[in-house]
Amino acid sequence: MIVVVIGGTRSGKSEIAEQVASKLGEPVTVVVPAMAVDDEHSERIAQHRERRPPSWATVECGPDLLGALDTIRGTVLVDSLGTWVSASPSLDVDVGALLDVLHRRVDASVLVTEEVGLSVHPSTEVGRRFVDALGALNAAVAEIADEVLLVVAGRTLRLDP
């Protein structure tokens, strides 16, 4: 089972993904493919941790998302693919390798990602490269997902294949 939960910043996508993961069975491991970059980011990570069940593990893997997914058993909740792209050198991630790892996993995978196609067009070259990279990644992961949920203002829409 692969579930993609996609939405804009502060849309409620992480909470929806947590609800989905809680229904898919223990153990649940939250995989964070980034490290906190400042105090505000650390506070957001702490808030996310506090609202999750204490039995859930958290793995901060940085850009090594593929390695983490290959070794964790049980339900995984990746929060988020956008942070994976931004933590990767040159914003270059191996989309094919991620799809392979997701196909190999026996247990459920819930992937949180940022919807960048509805946002303001980036004014910088690096911003455009990020949008392009994450947009392509989102489309590829959604293509193999069993379920894709779009979260807007805390509301969820199930997207058709």
Protein backbone atom coordinates (compact mmCIF):
# COMPACT_ATOMS: atom_id res chain seq x y z
CA MET A 1 0.00 0.00 0.00
CA ILE A 2 1.39 3.37 -1.09
CA VAL A 3 -0.50 6.52 -0.10
CA VAL A 4 0.52 10.01 -1.22
CA VAL A 5 -0.74 12.97 0.79
CA ILE A 6 -0.14 16.19 -1.12
CA GLY A 7 -0.95 19.76 -0.21
CA GLY A 8 0.36 23.26 0.17
CA THR A 9 2.24 24.73 3.09
CA ARG A 10 0.28 24.56 6.34
CA SER A 11 -2.60 22.77 4.60
CA GLY A 12 -2.87 20.03 7.24
CA LYS A 13 -1.25 17.35 5.08
CA SER A 14 0.99 16.01 7.85
CA GLU A 15 -1.94 15.52 10.23
CA ILE A 16 -3.95 13.75 7.52
CA ALA A 17 -0.95 11.52 6.74
CA GLU A 18 -0.63 10.69 10.45
CA GLN A 19 -4.30 9.66 10.53
CA VAL A 20 -3.77 7.45 7.48
CA ALA A 21 -0.63 5.85 8.92
CA SER A 22 -2.36 5.15 12.25
CA LYS A 23 -4.92 3.00 10.42
CA LEU A 24 -2.27 0.97 8.56
CA GLY A 25 -0.85 -0.80 11.60
CA GLU A 26 2.06 -0.67 14.01
CA PRO A 27 4.92 -0.27 14.10
CA VAL A 28 4.97 3.16 12.50
CA THR A 29 8.22 4.97 11.75
CA VAL A 30 8.21 8.59 10.68
CA VAL A 31 11.07 9.28 8.27
CA VAL A 32 12.20 12.90 8.04
CA PRO A 33 14.55 13.38 5.07
CA ALA A 34 16.01 16.63 6.41
CA MET A 35 17.63 18.03 9.49
CA ALA A 36 16.36 21.15 11.26
CA VAL A 37 17.98 24.25 9.77
CA ASP A 38 16.96 26.83 12.38
CA ASP A 39 15.02 27.26 15.64
CA GLU A 40 11.67 27.72 13.90
CA HIS A 41 12.17 24.52 11.90
CA SER A 42 13.16 22.67 15.09
CA GLU A 43 9.97 23.90 16.75
CA ARG A 44 7.82 22.62 13.86
CA ILE A 45 9.50 19.22 14.06
CA ALA A 46 8.89 19.14 17.83
CA GLN A 47 5.20 20.02 17.35
CA HIS A 48 4.79 17.20 14.85
CA ARG A 49 6.49 14.74 17.23
CA GLU A 50 4.34 15.80 20.20
CA ARG A 51 1.05 15.07 18.46
CA ARG A 52 2.10 11.58 17.32
CA PRO A 53 1.69 8.47 19.47
CA PRO A 54 4.72 7.82 21.71
CA SER A 55 5.09 4.35 20.18
CA TRP A 56 6.01 5.85 16.80
CA ALA A 57 9.72 6.06 16.05
CA THR A 58 11.28 8.98 14.19
CA VAL A 59 14.28 8.67 11.87
CA GLU A 60 15.96 11.84 10.59
CA CYS A 61 17.79 10.46 7.57
CA GLY A 62 18.79 13.64 5.74
CA PRO A 63 19.14 13.05 2.01
CA ASP A 64 19.51 9.24 2.49
CA LEU A 65 15.78 8.56 2.17
CA LEU A 66 16.37 5.51 -0.04
CA GLY A 67 18.64 3.86 2.53
CA ALA A 68 16.18 4.53 5.33
CA LEU A 69 13.20 3.13 3.41
CA ASP A 70 15.16 0.02 2.49
CA THR A 71 15.88 -0.86 6.13
CA ILE A 72 12.72 0.09 8.04
CA ARG A 73 10.05 -2.53 8.63
CA GLY A 74 6.44 -1.70 9.35
CA THR A 75 4.47 1.31 8.18
CA VAL A 76 6.57 4.32 7.20
CA LEU A 77 5.42 7.89 7.01
CA VAL A 78 7.79 10.09 5.00
CA ASP A 79 7.43 13.78 5.87
CA SER A 80 8.22 15.09 3.29
CA LEU A 81 9.38 14.56 -0.28
CA GLY A 82 9.94 18.31 -0.66
CA THR A 83 12.44 18.28 2.17
CA TRP A 84 14.17 15.31 0.51
CA VAL A 85 14.55 17.26 -2.73
CA SER A 86 15.78 20.37 -0.92
CA ALA A 87 18.28 18.33 1.16
CA SER A 88 19.75 16.69 -1.93
CA PRO A 89 22.78 18.14 -3.73
CA SER A 90 21.70 20.22 -6.72
CA LEU A 91 18.06 19.25 -5.96
CA ASP A 92 18.81 16.04 -7.84
CA VAL A 93 17.05 12.95 -6.47
CA ASP A 94 16.88 9.48 -7.99
CA VAL A 95 13.17 9.18 -8.74
CA GLY A 96 13.52 5.71 -10.29
CA ALA A 97 15.36 4.39 -7.24
CA LEU A 98 12.63 5.75 -4.94
CA LEU A 99 9.94 4.04 -7.02
CA ASP A 100 11.93 0.78 -6.86
CA VAL A 101 12.27 0.99 -3.06
CA LEU A 102 8.55 1.71 -2.68
CA HIS A 103 7.68 -1.28 -4.88
CA ARG A 104 10.01 -3.54 -2.84
CA ARG A 105 8.56 -2.57 0.52
CA VAL A 106 6.22 -5.19 1.94
CA ASP A 107 4.70 -2.78 4.44
CA ALA A 108 2.67 0.38 3.87
CA SER A 109 4.26 3.65 2.84
CA VAL A 110 2.63 7.04 3.41
CA LEU A 111 4.38 9.91 1.63
CA VAL A 112 3.74 13.55 2.44
CA THR A 113 4.66 16.00 -0.30
CA GLU A 114 4.20 19.65 -1.16
CA GLU A 115 2.00 20.68 -4.07
CA VAL A 116 4.05 23.20 -6.02
CA GLY A 117 1.93 23.46 -9.15
CA LEU A 118 -0.58 25.81 -7.54
CA SER A 119 1.95 28.24 -6.11
CA VAL A 120 3.47 31.46 -7.33
CA HIS A 121 5.98 31.00 -10.15
CA PRO A 122 9.44 31.15 -8.54
CA SER A 123 11.47 34.23 -9.43
CA THR A 124 14.86 32.52 -9.14
CA GLU A 125 16.56 29.81 -11.15
CA VAL A 126 16.99 27.58 -8.08
CA GLY A 127 13.31 28.06 -7.21
CA ARG A 128 12.28 26.97 -10.70
CA ARG A 129 14.59 23.93 -10.52
CA PHE A 130 13.03 22.97 -7.16
CA VAL A 131 9.49 23.27 -8.55
CA ASP A 132 10.44 21.24 -11.63
CA ALA A 133 12.18 18.52 -9.59
CA LEU A 134 9.43 18.19 -6.99
CA GLY A 135 6.66 18.38 -9.59
CA ALA A 136 8.21 15.53 -11.58
CA LEU A 137 8.77 13.50 -8.40
CA ASN A 138 5.18 14.05 -7.24
CA ALA A 139 3.78 12.92 -10.61
CA ALA A 140 5.96 9.78 -10.64
CA VAL A 141 5.07 8.76 -7.08
CA ALA A 142 1.36 9.50 -7.62
CA GLU A 143 1.46 7.26 -10.71
CA ILE A 144 2.39 4.18 -8.63
CA ALA A 145 0.35 5.09 -5.54
CA ASP A 146 -2.68 3.11 -4.48
CA GLU A 147 -4.24 6.29 -3.15
CA VAL A 148 -3.56 10.02 -3.56
CA LEU A 149 -5.10 12.52 -1.17
CA LEU A 150 -5.05 16.27 -1.84
CA VAL A 151 -5.28 18.37 1.33
CA VAL A 152 -6.55 21.95 1.11
CA ALA A 153 -7.36 23.99 4.23
CA GLY A 154 -7.46 20.81 6.31
CA ARG A 155 -9.96 19.17 3.96
CA THR A 156 -9.16 16.05 1.99
CA LEU A 157 -10.01 15.21 -1.60
CA ARG A 158 -9.33 11.70 -2.94
CA LEU A 159 -7.84 12.00 -6.42
CA ASP A 160 -8.78 9.57 -9.17
CA PRO A 161 -6.00 7.60 -10.86
